[in-house]
Amino acid sequence: MANTNNPGVSEISSDHDEVKKWAEERGGVPSIVKGTGGEGKPGILRFDFPDVGPKANLEHISWDEFFKVFDEKDLALLYQEKTSTGEISRFNKFVSRSCLEEEKD
């Protein structure tokens, strides 16, 4: 769960509802990088934020497709709720879920 009391602090989650809520609150659309994957392998996941200009190298996908790849690759989302100045942050990165285990230790 996000720590909104500490702007600029990164959070990490593999919870589908939390990941989807974070992205949708910022206008993020689930996407894959075109030309990655292939031969039945999933592509590289990204969020497209169309209000800052759609990226030509991103292909929008459904949330179901997104979370299928997310789970197959055993990913978690590293993200910020707010920047250090208190603004809404779009900082995000997909990381291995092993990072979740390291945080618990």
PDB file of N, CA and C in Angstrom:
ATOM      1  N   MET A   1       0.838  -1.183   0.000  1.00  0.00           N
ATOM      2  CA  MET A   1       0.000   0.000   0.000  1.00  0.00           C
ATOM      3  C   MET A   1       0.880   1.242   0.000  1.00  0.00           C
ATOM      4  N   ALA A   2       0.445   2.238  -0.706  1.00  0.00           N
ATOM      5  CA  ALA A   2       1.240   3.452  -0.860  1.00  0.00           C
ATOM      6  C   ALA A   2       1.351   4.237   0.436  1.00  0.00           C
ATOM      7  N   ASN A   3       2.515   4.813   0.620  1.00  0.00           N
ATOM      8  CA  ASN A   3       2.783   5.651   1.779  1.00  0.00           C
ATOM      9  C   ASN A   3       2.687   7.107   1.326  1.00  0.00           C
ATOM     10  N   THR A   4       1.498   7.694   1.423  1.00  0.00           N
ATOM     11  CA  THR A   4       1.281   9.049   0.927  1.00  0.00           C
ATOM     12  C   THR A   4       1.808  10.108   1.884  1.00  0.00           C
ATOM     13  N   ASN A   5       2.257   9.718   3.065  1.00  0.00           N
ATOM     14  CA  ASN A   5       2.797  10.682   4.024  1.00  0.00           C
ATOM     15  C   ASN A   5       4.235  11.068   3.712  1.00  0.00           C
ATOM     16  N   ASN A   6       4.912  10.318   2.862  1.00  0.00           N
ATOM     17  CA  ASN A   6       6.309  10.585   2.538  1.00  0.00           C
ATOM     18  C   ASN A   6       6.483  10.804   1.036  1.00  0.00           C
ATOM     19  N   PRO A   7       6.225  12.037   0.548  1.00  0.00           N
ATOM     20  CA  PRO A   7       6.412  12.305  -0.883  1.00  0.00           C
ATOM     21  C   PRO A   7       7.835  11.962  -1.322  1.00  0.00           C
ATOM     22  N   GLY A   8       7.953  11.448  -2.542  1.00  0.00           N
ATOM     23  CA  GLY A   8       9.250  11.104  -3.093  1.00  0.00           C
ATOM     24  C   GLY A   8       9.718   9.706  -2.749  1.00  0.00           C
ATOM     25  N   VAL A   9       8.999   9.023  -1.859  1.00  0.00           N
ATOM     26  CA  VAL A   9       9.371   7.670  -1.459  1.00  0.00           C
ATOM     27  C   VAL A   9       8.767   6.679  -2.457  1.00  0.00           C
ATOM     28  N   SER A  10       9.550   5.705  -2.880  1.00  0.00           N
ATOM     29  CA  SER A  10       9.068   4.688  -3.807  1.00  0.00           C
ATOM     30  C   SER A  10       8.372   3.565  -3.055  1.00  0.00           C
ATOM     31  N   GLU A  11       7.357   3.022  -3.702  1.00  0.00           N
ATOM     32  CA  GLU A  11       6.599   1.885  -3.185  1.00  0.00           C
ATOM     33  C   GLU A  11       6.771   0.740  -4.170  1.00  0.00           C
ATOM     34  N   ILE A  12       6.401  -0.462  -3.756  1.00  0.00           N
ATOM     35  CA  ILE A  12       6.467  -1.616  -4.651  1.00  0.00           C
ATOM     36  C   ILE A  12       5.269  -2.503  -4.385  1.00  0.00           C
ATOM     37  N   SER A  13       4.659  -3.026  -5.473  1.00  0.00           N
ATOM     38  CA  SER A  13       3.482  -3.873  -5.316  1.00  0.00           C
ATOM     39  C   SER A  13       3.347  -4.824  -6.503  1.00  0.00           C
ATOM     40  N   SER A  14       2.793  -5.994  -6.225  1.00  0.00           N
ATOM     41  CA  SER A  14       2.419  -6.928  -7.290  1.00  0.00           C
ATOM     42  C   SER A  14       0.909  -7.134  -7.296  1.00  0.00           C
ATOM     43  N   ASP A  15       0.188  -6.386  -6.461  1.00  0.00           N
ATOM     44  CA  ASP A  15      -1.270  -6.481  -6.371  1.00  0.00           C
ATOM     45  C   ASP A  15      -1.907  -5.860  -7.618  1.00  0.00           C
ATOM     46  N   HIS A  16      -2.672  -6.649  -8.357  1.00  0.00           N
ATOM     47  CA  HIS A  16      -3.261  -6.187  -9.610  1.00  0.00           C
ATOM     48  C   HIS A  16      -4.112  -4.940  -9.427  1.00  0.00           C
ATOM     49  N   ASP A  17      -4.959  -4.937  -8.406  1.00  0.00           N
ATOM     50  CA  ASP A  17      -5.843  -3.789  -8.190  1.00  0.00           C
ATOM     51  C   ASP A  17      -5.050  -2.518  -7.898  1.00  0.00           C
ATOM     52  N   GLU A  18      -4.017  -2.632  -7.106  1.00  0.00           N
ATOM     53  CA  GLU A  18      -3.193  -1.478  -6.750  1.00  0.00           C
ATOM     54  C   GLU A  18      -2.437  -0.949  -7.971  1.00  0.00           C
ATOM     55  N   VAL A  19      -1.875  -1.857  -8.761  1.00  0.00           N
ATOM     56  CA  VAL A  19      -1.127  -1.466  -9.969  1.00  0.00           C
ATOM     57  C   VAL A  19      -2.062  -0.763 -10.956  1.00  0.00           C
ATOM     58  N   LYS A  20      -3.225  -1.355 -11.184  1.00  0.00           N
ATOM     59  CA  LYS A  20      -4.188  -0.783 -12.130  1.00  0.00           C
ATOM     60  C   LYS A  20      -4.683   0.582 -11.645  1.00  0.00           C
ATOM     61  N   LYS A  21      -4.985   0.694 -10.373  1.00  0.00           N
ATOM     62  CA  LYS A  21      -5.469   1.960  -9.802  1.00  0.00           C
ATOM     63  C   LYS A  21      -4.406   3.046  -9.958  1.00  0.00           C
ATOM     64  N   TRP A  22      -3.146   2.718  -9.641  1.00  0.00           N
ATOM     65  CA  TRP A  22      -2.067   3.701  -9.753  1.00  0.00           C
ATOM     66  C   TRP A  22      -1.978   4.215 -11.195  1.00  0.00           C
ATOM     67  N   ALA A  23      -1.968   3.306 -12.158  1.00  0.00           N
ATOM     68  CA  ALA A  23      -1.831   3.694 -13.568  1.00  0.00           C
ATOM     69  C   ALA A  23      -3.034   4.509 -14.043  1.00  0.00           C
ATOM     70  N   GLU A  24      -4.231   4.043 -13.751  1.00  0.00           N
ATOM     71  CA  GLU A  24      -5.430   4.726 -14.239  1.00  0.00           C
ATOM     72  C   GLU A  24      -5.588   6.116 -13.633  1.00  0.00           C
ATOM     73  N   GLU A  25      -5.176   6.304 -12.386  1.00  0.00           N
ATOM     74  CA  GLU A  25      -5.252   7.629 -11.763  1.00  0.00           C
ATOM     75  C   GLU A  25      -4.373   8.648 -12.488  1.00  0.00           C
ATOM     76  N   ARG A  26      -3.390   8.172 -13.234  1.00  0.00           N
ATOM     77  CA  ARG A  26      -2.460   9.038 -13.952  1.00  0.00           C
ATOM     78  C   ARG A  26      -2.699   9.017 -15.459  1.00  0.00           C
ATOM     79  N   GLY A  27      -3.762   8.350 -15.897  1.00  0.00           N
ATOM     80  CA  GLY A  27      -4.071   8.260 -17.315  1.00  0.00           C
ATOM     81  C   GLY A  27      -3.242   7.232 -18.049  1.00  0.00           C
ATOM     82  N   GLY A  28      -2.595   6.327 -17.313  1.00  0.00           N
ATOM     83  CA  GLY A  28      -1.741   5.308 -17.928  1.00  0.00           C
ATOM     84  C   GLY A  28      -2.542   4.201 -18.596  1.00  0.00           C
ATOM     85  N   VAL A  29      -2.066   3.796 -19.758  1.00  0.00           N
ATOM     86  CA  VAL A  29      -2.690   2.722 -20.527  1.00  0.00           C
ATOM     87  C   VAL A  29      -1.707   1.557 -20.591  1.00  0.00           C
ATOM     88  N   PRO A  30      -2.161   0.326 -20.252  1.00  0.00           N
ATOM     89  CA  PRO A  30      -1.256  -0.818 -20.323  1.00  0.00           C
ATOM     90  C   PRO A  30      -0.788  -1.050 -21.756  1.00  0.00           C
ATOM     91  N   SER A  31       0.513  -1.304 -21.912  1.00  0.00           N
ATOM     92  CA  SER A  31       1.115  -1.412 -23.240  1.00  0.00           C
ATOM     93  C   SER A  31       2.291  -2.373 -23.224  1.00  0.00           C
ATOM     94  N   ILE A  32       2.666  -2.789 -24.431  1.00  0.00           N
ATOM     95  CA  ILE A  32       3.914  -3.530 -24.615  1.00  0.00           C
ATOM     96  C   ILE A  32       4.752  -2.765 -25.631  1.00  0.00           C
ATOM     97  N   VAL A  33       6.059  -2.933 -25.546  1.00  0.00           N
ATOM     98  CA  VAL A  33       6.962  -2.305 -26.502  1.00  0.00           C
ATOM     99  C   VAL A  33       6.914  -3.124 -27.789  1.00  0.00           C
ATOM    100  N   LYS A  34       6.584  -2.462 -28.898  1.00  0.00           N
ATOM    101  CA  LYS A  34       6.506  -3.147 -30.198  1.00  0.00           C
ATOM    102  C   LYS A  34       7.854  -3.759 -30.538  1.00  0.00           C
ATOM    103  N   GLY A  35       7.796  -4.955 -31.136  1.00  0.00           N
ATOM    104  CA  GLY A  35       9.023  -5.606 -31.581  1.00  0.00           C
ATOM    105  C   GLY A  35       9.722  -6.413 -30.497  1.00  0.00           C
ATOM    106  N   THR A  36       9.162  -6.431 -29.293  1.00  0.00           N
ATOM    107  CA  THR A  36       9.736  -7.259 -28.226  1.00  0.00           C
ATOM    108  C   THR A  36       8.872  -8.495 -28.088  1.00  0.00           C
ATOM    109  N   GLY A  37       9.394  -9.508 -27.500  1.00  0.00           N
ATOM    110  CA  GLY A  37       8.642 -10.753 -27.377  1.00  0.00           C
ATOM    111  C   GLY A  37       8.698 -11.529 -28.678  1.00  0.00           C
ATOM    112  N   GLY A  38       7.560 -12.044 -29.105  1.00  0.00           N
ATOM    113  CA  GLY A  38       7.494 -12.833 -30.326  1.00  0.00           C
ATOM    114  C   GLY A  38       7.683 -14.310 -30.029  1.00  0.00           C
ATOM    115  N   GLU A  39       7.370 -15.162 -31.019  1.00  0.00           N
ATOM    116  CA  GLU A  39       7.508 -16.615 -30.853  1.00  0.00           C
ATOM    117  C   GLU A  39       6.807 -17.092 -29.578  1.00  0.00           C
ATOM    118  N   GLY A  40       5.660 -16.475 -29.264  1.00  0.00           N
ATOM    119  CA  GLY A  40       4.913 -16.880 -28.079  1.00  0.00           C
ATOM    120  C   GLY A  40       5.438 -16.308 -26.780  1.00  0.00           C
ATOM    121  N   LYS A  41       6.503 -15.504 -26.857  1.00  0.00           N
ATOM    122  CA  LYS A  41       7.065 -14.886 -25.655  1.00  0.00           C
ATOM    123  C   LYS A  41       6.458 -13.501 -25.475  1.00  0.00           C
ATOM    124  N   PRO A  42       6.163 -13.131 -24.218  1.00  0.00           N
ATOM    125  CA  PRO A  42       5.561 -11.816 -23.978  1.00  0.00           C
ATOM    126  C   PRO A  42       6.568 -10.688 -24.192  1.00  0.00           C
ATOM    127  N   GLY A  43       6.043  -9.542 -24.582  1.00  0.00           N
ATOM    128  CA  GLY A  43       6.890  -8.380 -24.796  1.00  0.00           C
ATOM    129  C   GLY A  43       7.182  -7.631 -23.505  1.00  0.00           C
ATOM    130  N   ILE A  44       7.905  -6.532 -23.638  1.00  0.00           N
ATOM    131  CA  ILE A  44       8.268  -5.689 -22.491  1.00  0.00           C
ATOM    132  C   ILE A  44       7.087  -4.792 -22.135  1.00  0.00           C
ATOM    133  N   LEU A  45       6.689  -4.814 -20.871  1.00  0.00           N
ATOM    134  CA  LEU A  45       5.555  -4.021 -20.406  1.00  0.00           C
ATOM    135  C   LEU A  45       5.955  -2.571 -20.154  1.00  0.00           C
ATOM    136  N   ARG A  46       5.008  -1.676 -20.436  1.00  0.00           N
ATOM    137  CA  ARG A  46       5.153  -0.258 -20.140  1.00  0.00           C
ATOM    138  C   ARG A  46       3.752   0.308 -19.910  1.00  0.00           C
ATOM    139  N   PHE A  47       3.693   1.512 -19.336  1.00  0.00           N
ATOM    140  CA  PHE A  47       2.463   2.289 -19.311  1.00  0.00           C
ATOM    141  C   PHE A  47       2.651   3.436 -20.285  1.00  0.00           C
ATOM    142  N   ASP A  48       1.634   3.654 -21.123  1.00  0.00           N
ATOM    143  CA  ASP A  48       1.631   4.797 -22.026  1.00  0.00           C
ATOM    144  C   ASP A  48       0.789   5.887 -21.363  1.00  0.00           C
ATOM    145  N   PHE A  49       1.316   7.096 -21.332  1.00  0.00           N
ATOM    146  CA  PHE A  49       0.587   8.231 -20.789  1.00  0.00           C
ATOM    147  C   PHE A  49       0.267   9.154 -21.963  1.00  0.00           C
ATOM    148  N   PRO A  50      -0.841   8.881 -22.683  1.00  0.00           N
ATOM    149  CA  PRO A  50      -1.161   9.609 -23.920  1.00  0.00           C
ATOM    150  C   PRO A  50      -1.265  11.118 -23.771  1.00  0.00           C
ATOM    151  N   ASP A  51      -1.612  11.624 -22.587  1.00  0.00           N
ATOM    152  CA  ASP A  51      -1.745  13.068 -22.436  1.00  0.00           C
ATOM    153  C   ASP A  51      -0.405  13.795 -22.532  1.00  0.00           C
ATOM    154  N   VAL A  52       0.694  13.056 -22.443  1.00  0.00           N
ATOM    155  CA  VAL A  52       2.005  13.669 -22.651  1.00  0.00           C
ATOM    156  C   VAL A  52       2.571  13.262 -24.006  1.00  0.00           C
ATOM    157  N   GLY A  53       1.696  12.727 -24.849  1.00  0.00           N
ATOM    158  CA  GLY A  53       2.085  12.318 -26.191  1.00  0.00           C
ATOM    159  C   GLY A  53       2.265  10.823 -26.278  1.00  0.00           C
ATOM    160  N   PRO A  54       1.430  10.147 -27.105  1.00  0.00           N
ATOM    161  CA  PRO A  54       1.568   8.704 -27.244  1.00  0.00           C
ATOM    162  C   PRO A  54       2.924   8.343 -27.839  1.00  0.00           C
ATOM    163  N   LYS A  55       3.432   7.216 -27.425  1.00  0.00           N
ATOM    164  CA  LYS A  55       4.726   6.739 -27.908  1.00  0.00           C
ATOM    165  C   LYS A  55       4.490   5.784 -29.082  1.00  0.00           C
ATOM    166  N   ALA A  56       5.144   6.046 -30.197  1.00  0.00           N
ATOM    167  CA  ALA A  56       4.962   5.240 -31.405  1.00  0.00           C
ATOM    168  C   ALA A  56       5.412   3.804 -31.206  1.00  0.00           C
ATOM    169  N   ASN A  57       6.330   3.576 -30.257  1.00  0.00           N
ATOM    170  CA  ASN A  57       6.853   2.226 -30.077  1.00  0.00           C
ATOM    171  C   ASN A  57       6.031   1.405 -29.092  1.00  0.00           C
ATOM    172  N   LEU A  58       4.901   1.955 -28.599  1.00  0.00           N
ATOM    173  CA  LEU A  58       4.070   1.228 -27.647  1.00  0.00           C
ATOM    174  C   LEU A  58       2.767   0.776 -28.288  1.00  0.00           C
ATOM    175  N   GLU A  59       2.368  -0.437 -27.965  1.00  0.00           N
ATOM    176  CA  GLU A  59       1.107  -0.996 -28.438  1.00  0.00           C
ATOM    177  C   GLU A  59       0.209  -1.218 -27.225  1.00  0.00           C
ATOM    178  N   HIS A  60      -0.960  -0.571 -27.236  1.00  0.00           N
ATOM    179  CA  HIS A  60      -1.887  -0.724 -26.122  1.00  0.00           C
ATOM    180  C   HIS A  60      -2.444  -2.141 -26.082  1.00  0.00           C
ATOM    181  N   ILE A  61      -2.581  -2.675 -24.866  1.00  0.00           N
ATOM    182  CA  ILE A  61      -3.133  -4.011 -24.664  1.00  0.00           C
ATOM    183  C   ILE A  61      -4.185  -3.937 -23.568  1.00  0.00           C
ATOM    184  N   SER A  62      -4.967  -4.993 -23.426  1.00  0.00           N
ATOM    185  CA  SER A  62      -5.992  -5.026 -22.379  1.00  0.00           C
ATOM    186  C   SER A  62      -5.336  -5.264 -21.024  1.00  0.00           C
ATOM    187  N   TRP A  63      -6.074  -4.937 -19.966  1.00  0.00           N
ATOM    188  CA  TRP A  63      -5.560  -5.217 -18.627  1.00  0.00           C
ATOM    189  C   TRP A  63      -5.367  -6.715 -18.424  1.00  0.00           C
ATOM    190  N   ASP A  64      -6.254  -7.532 -18.998  1.00  0.00           N
ATOM    191  CA  ASP A  64      -6.104  -8.991 -18.869  1.00  0.00           C
ATOM    192  C   ASP A  64      -4.790  -9.453 -19.493  1.00  0.00           C
ATOM    193  N   GLU A  65      -4.483  -8.955 -20.701  1.00  0.00           N
ATOM    194  CA  GLU A  65      -3.220  -9.302 -21.353  1.00  0.00           C
ATOM    195  C   GLU A  65      -2.034  -8.798 -20.535  1.00  0.00           C
ATOM    196  N   PHE A  66      -2.151  -7.571 -20.050  1.00  0.00           N
ATOM    197  CA  PHE A  66      -1.093  -6.956 -19.263  1.00  0.00           C
ATOM    198  C   PHE A  66      -0.769  -7.817 -18.041  1.00  0.00           C
ATOM    199  N   PHE A  67      -1.799  -8.187 -17.273  1.00  0.00           N
ATOM    200  CA  PHE A  67      -1.551  -8.938 -16.043  1.00  0.00           C
ATOM    201  C   PHE A  67      -1.137 -10.384 -16.313  1.00  0.00           C
ATOM    202  N   LYS A  68      -1.485 -10.921 -17.474  1.00  0.00           N
ATOM    203  CA  LYS A  68      -0.996 -12.250 -17.849  1.00  0.00           C
ATOM    204  C   LYS A  68       0.530 -12.201 -17.984  1.00  0.00           C
ATOM    205  N   VAL A  69       1.042 -11.198 -18.695  1.00  0.00           N
ATOM    206  CA  VAL A  69       2.488 -11.031 -18.860  1.00  0.00           C
ATOM    207  C   VAL A  69       3.137 -10.681 -17.519  1.00  0.00           C
ATOM    208  N   PHE A  70       2.517  -9.774 -16.778  1.00  0.00           N
ATOM    209  CA  PHE A  70       2.995  -9.330 -15.468  1.00  0.00           C
ATOM    210  C   PHE A  70       3.235 -10.531 -14.554  1.00  0.00           C
ATOM    211  N   ASP A  71       2.267 -11.459 -14.539  1.00  0.00           N
ATOM    212  CA  ASP A  71       2.396 -12.646 -13.691  1.00  0.00           C
ATOM    213  C   ASP A  71       3.363 -13.676 -14.269  1.00  0.00           C
ATOM    214  N   GLU A  72       3.333 -13.867 -15.596  1.00  0.00           N
ATOM    215  CA  GLU A  72       4.256 -14.820 -16.229  1.00  0.00           C
ATOM    216  C   GLU A  72       5.709 -14.436 -15.981  1.00  0.00           C
ATOM    217  N   LYS A  73       5.977 -13.141 -16.000  1.00  0.00           N
ATOM    218  CA  LYS A  73       7.348 -12.662 -15.796  1.00  0.00           C
ATOM    219  C   LYS A  73       7.667 -12.443 -14.316  1.00  0.00           C
ATOM    220  N   ASP A  74       6.681 -12.718 -13.456  1.00  0.00           N
ATOM    221  CA  ASP A  74       6.874 -12.600 -12.000  1.00  0.00           C
ATOM    222  C   ASP A  74       7.323 -11.186 -11.616  1.00  0.00           C
ATOM    223  N   LEU A  75       6.573 -10.195 -12.121  1.00  0.00           N
ATOM    224  CA  LEU A  75       6.942  -8.801 -11.934  1.00  0.00           C
ATOM    225  C   LEU A  75       6.189  -8.127 -10.788  1.00  0.00           C
ATOM    226  N   ALA A  76       6.750  -7.033 -10.333  1.00  0.00           N
ATOM    227  CA  ALA A  76       6.119  -6.116  -9.392  1.00  0.00           C
ATOM    228  C   ALA A  76       6.332  -4.717  -9.968  1.00  0.00           C
ATOM    229  N   LEU A  77       5.527  -3.767  -9.502  1.00  0.00           N
ATOM    230  CA  LEU A  77       5.666  -2.388  -9.947  1.00  0.00           C
ATOM    231  C   LEU A  77       6.316  -1.563  -8.843  1.00  0.00           C
ATOM    232  N   LEU A  78       7.428  -0.937  -9.188  1.00  0.00           N
ATOM    233  CA  LEU A  78       8.080   0.033  -8.312  1.00  0.00           C
ATOM    234  C   LEU A  78       7.548   1.389  -8.774  1.00  0.00           C
ATOM    235  N   TYR A  79       7.005   2.185  -7.858  1.00  0.00           N
ATOM    236  CA  TYR A  79       6.353   3.424  -8.253  1.00  0.00           C
ATOM    237  C   TYR A  79       6.405   4.463  -7.140  1.00  0.00           C
ATOM    238  N   GLN A  80       6.055   5.689  -7.511  1.00  0.00           N
ATOM    239  CA  GLN A  80       5.905   6.774  -6.547  1.00  0.00           C
ATOM    240  C   GLN A  80       4.483   7.296  -6.642  1.00  0.00           C
ATOM    241  N   GLU A  81       3.904   7.629  -5.508  1.00  0.00           N
ATOM    242  CA  GLU A  81       2.604   8.299  -5.483  1.00  0.00           C
ATOM    243  C   GLU A  81       2.799   9.783  -5.771  1.00  0.00           C
ATOM    244  N   LYS A  82       3.769  10.389  -5.088  1.00  0.00           N
ATOM    245  CA  LYS A  82       4.030  11.827  -5.228  1.00  0.00           C
ATOM    246  C   LYS A  82       5.534  12.072  -5.325  1.00  0.00           C
ATOM    247  N   THR A  83       5.877  13.153  -6.005  1.00  0.00           N
ATOM    248  CA  THR A  83       7.277  13.556  -6.097  1.00  0.00           C
ATOM    249  C   THR A  83       7.713  14.150  -4.761  1.00  0.00           C
ATOM    250  N   SER A  84       8.976  14.460  -4.636  1.00  0.00           N
ATOM    251  CA  SER A  84       9.483  15.054  -3.392  1.00  0.00           C
ATOM    252  C   SER A  84       8.877  16.430  -3.125  1.00  0.00           C
ATOM    253  N   THR A  85       8.331  17.069  -4.172  1.00  0.00           N
ATOM    254  CA  THR A  85       7.685  18.369  -3.996  1.00  0.00           C
ATOM    255  C   THR A  85       6.178  18.251  -3.804  1.00  0.00           C
ATOM    256  N   GLY A  86       5.675  16.997  -3.732  1.00  0.00           N
ATOM    257  CA  GLY A  86       4.258  16.774  -3.469  1.00  0.00           C
ATOM    258  C   GLY A  86       3.369  16.675  -4.687  1.00  0.00           C
ATOM    259  N   GLU A  87       3.949  16.739  -5.892  1.00  0.00           N
ATOM    260  CA  GLU A  87       3.172  16.605  -7.124  1.00  0.00           C
ATOM    261  C   GLU A  87       2.884  15.126  -7.406  1.00  0.00           C
ATOM    262  N   ILE A  88       1.823  14.862  -8.165  1.00  0.00           N
ATOM    263  CA  ILE A  88       1.515  13.493  -8.586  1.00  0.00           C
ATOM    264  C   ILE A  88       2.690  12.983  -9.420  1.00  0.00           C
ATOM    265  N   SER A  89       3.174  11.796  -9.098  1.00  0.00           N
ATOM    266  CA  SER A  89       4.327  11.224  -9.797  1.00  0.00           C
ATOM    267  C   SER A  89       3.888  10.137 -10.769  1.00  0.00           C
ATOM    268  N   ARG A  90       4.578  10.072 -11.895  1.00  0.00           N
ATOM    269  CA  ARG A  90       4.376   8.981 -12.860  1.00  0.00           C
ATOM    270  C   ARG A  90       5.576   8.040 -12.874  1.00  0.00           C
ATOM    271  N   PHE A  91       6.510   8.258 -11.948  1.00  0.00           N
ATOM    272  CA  PHE A  91       7.688   7.393 -11.912  1.00  0.00           C
ATOM    273  C   PHE A  91       7.241   5.954 -11.676  1.00  0.00           C
ATOM    274  N   ASN A  92       7.696   5.053 -12.545  1.00  0.00           N
ATOM    275  CA  ASN A  92       7.397   3.632 -12.374  1.00  0.00           C
ATOM    276  C   ASN A  92       8.430   2.796 -13.100  1.00  0.00           C
ATOM    277  N   LYS A  93       8.593   1.584 -12.610  1.00  0.00           N
ATOM    278  CA  LYS A  93       9.539   0.642 -13.198  1.00  0.00           C
ATOM    279  C   LYS A  93       9.073  -0.757 -12.833  1.00  0.00           C
ATOM    280  N   PHE A  94       9.153  -1.666 -13.788  1.00  0.00           N
ATOM    281  CA  PHE A  94       8.805  -3.055 -13.510  1.00  0.00           C
ATOM    282  C   PHE A  94      10.050  -3.783 -13.026  1.00  0.00           C
ATOM    283  N   VAL A  95       9.916  -4.470 -11.901  1.00  0.00           N
ATOM    284  CA  VAL A  95      11.030  -5.165 -11.267  1.00  0.00           C
ATOM    285  C   VAL A  95      10.601  -6.586 -10.921  1.00  0.00           C
ATOM    286  N   SER A  96      11.561  -7.415 -10.614  1.00  0.00           N
ATOM    287  CA  SER A  96      11.285  -8.787 -10.208  1.00  0.00           C
ATOM    288  C   SER A  96      10.579  -8.802  -8.857  1.00  0.00           C
ATOM    289  N   ARG A  97       9.653  -9.714  -8.685  1.00  0.00           N
ATOM    290  CA  ARG A  97       8.953  -9.836  -7.399  1.00  0.00           C
ATOM    291  C   ARG A  97       9.888 -10.230  -6.265  1.00  0.00           C
ATOM    292  N   SER A  98      11.065 -10.698  -6.597  1.00  0.00           N
ATOM    293  CA  SER A  98      12.019 -11.015  -5.535  1.00  0.00           C
ATOM    294  C   SER A  98      12.338  -9.765  -4.718  1.00  0.00           C
ATOM    295  N   CYS A  99      12.149  -8.576  -5.310  1.00  0.00           N
ATOM    296  CA  CYS A  99      12.343  -7.331  -4.576  1.00  0.00           C
ATOM    297  C   CYS A  99      11.362  -7.206  -3.423  1.00  0.00           C
ATOM    298  N   LEU A 100      10.167  -7.773  -3.593  1.00  0.00           N
ATOM    299  CA  LEU A 100       9.175  -7.758  -2.522  1.00  0.00           C
ATOM    300  C   LEU A 100       9.672  -8.564  -1.331  1.00  0.00           C
ATOM    301  N   GLU A 101      10.285  -9.701  -1.618  1.00  0.00           N
ATOM    302  CA  GLU A 101      10.817 -10.557  -0.555  1.00  0.00           C
ATOM    303  C   GLU A 101      11.971  -9.870   0.162  1.00  0.00           C
ATOM    304  N   GLU A 102      12.823  -9.172  -0.590  1.00  0.00           N
ATOM    305  CA  GLU A 102      13.950  -8.470   0.006  1.00  0.00           C
ATOM    306  C   GLU A 102      13.478  -7.365   0.939  1.00  0.00           C
ATOM    307  N   GLU A 103      12.364  -6.682   0.573  1.00  0.00           N
ATOM    308  CA  GLU A 103      11.830  -5.628   1.428  1.00  0.00           C
ATOM    309  C   GLU A 103      11.325  -6.170   2.741  1.00  0.00           C
ATOM    310  N   LYS A 104      10.805  -7.404   2.755  1.00  0.00           N
ATOM    311  CA  LYS A 104      10.255  -8.020   3.965  1.00  0.00           C
ATOM    312  C   LYS A 104      11.346  -8.426   4.936  1.00  0.00           C
ATOM    313  N   ASP A 105      12.551  -8.702   4.417  1.00  0.00           N
ATOM    314  CA  ASP A 105      13.659  -9.168   5.271  1.00  0.00           C
ATOM    315  C   ASP A 105      14.202  -8.065   6.158  1.00  0.00           C
TER     316      ASP A 105
END
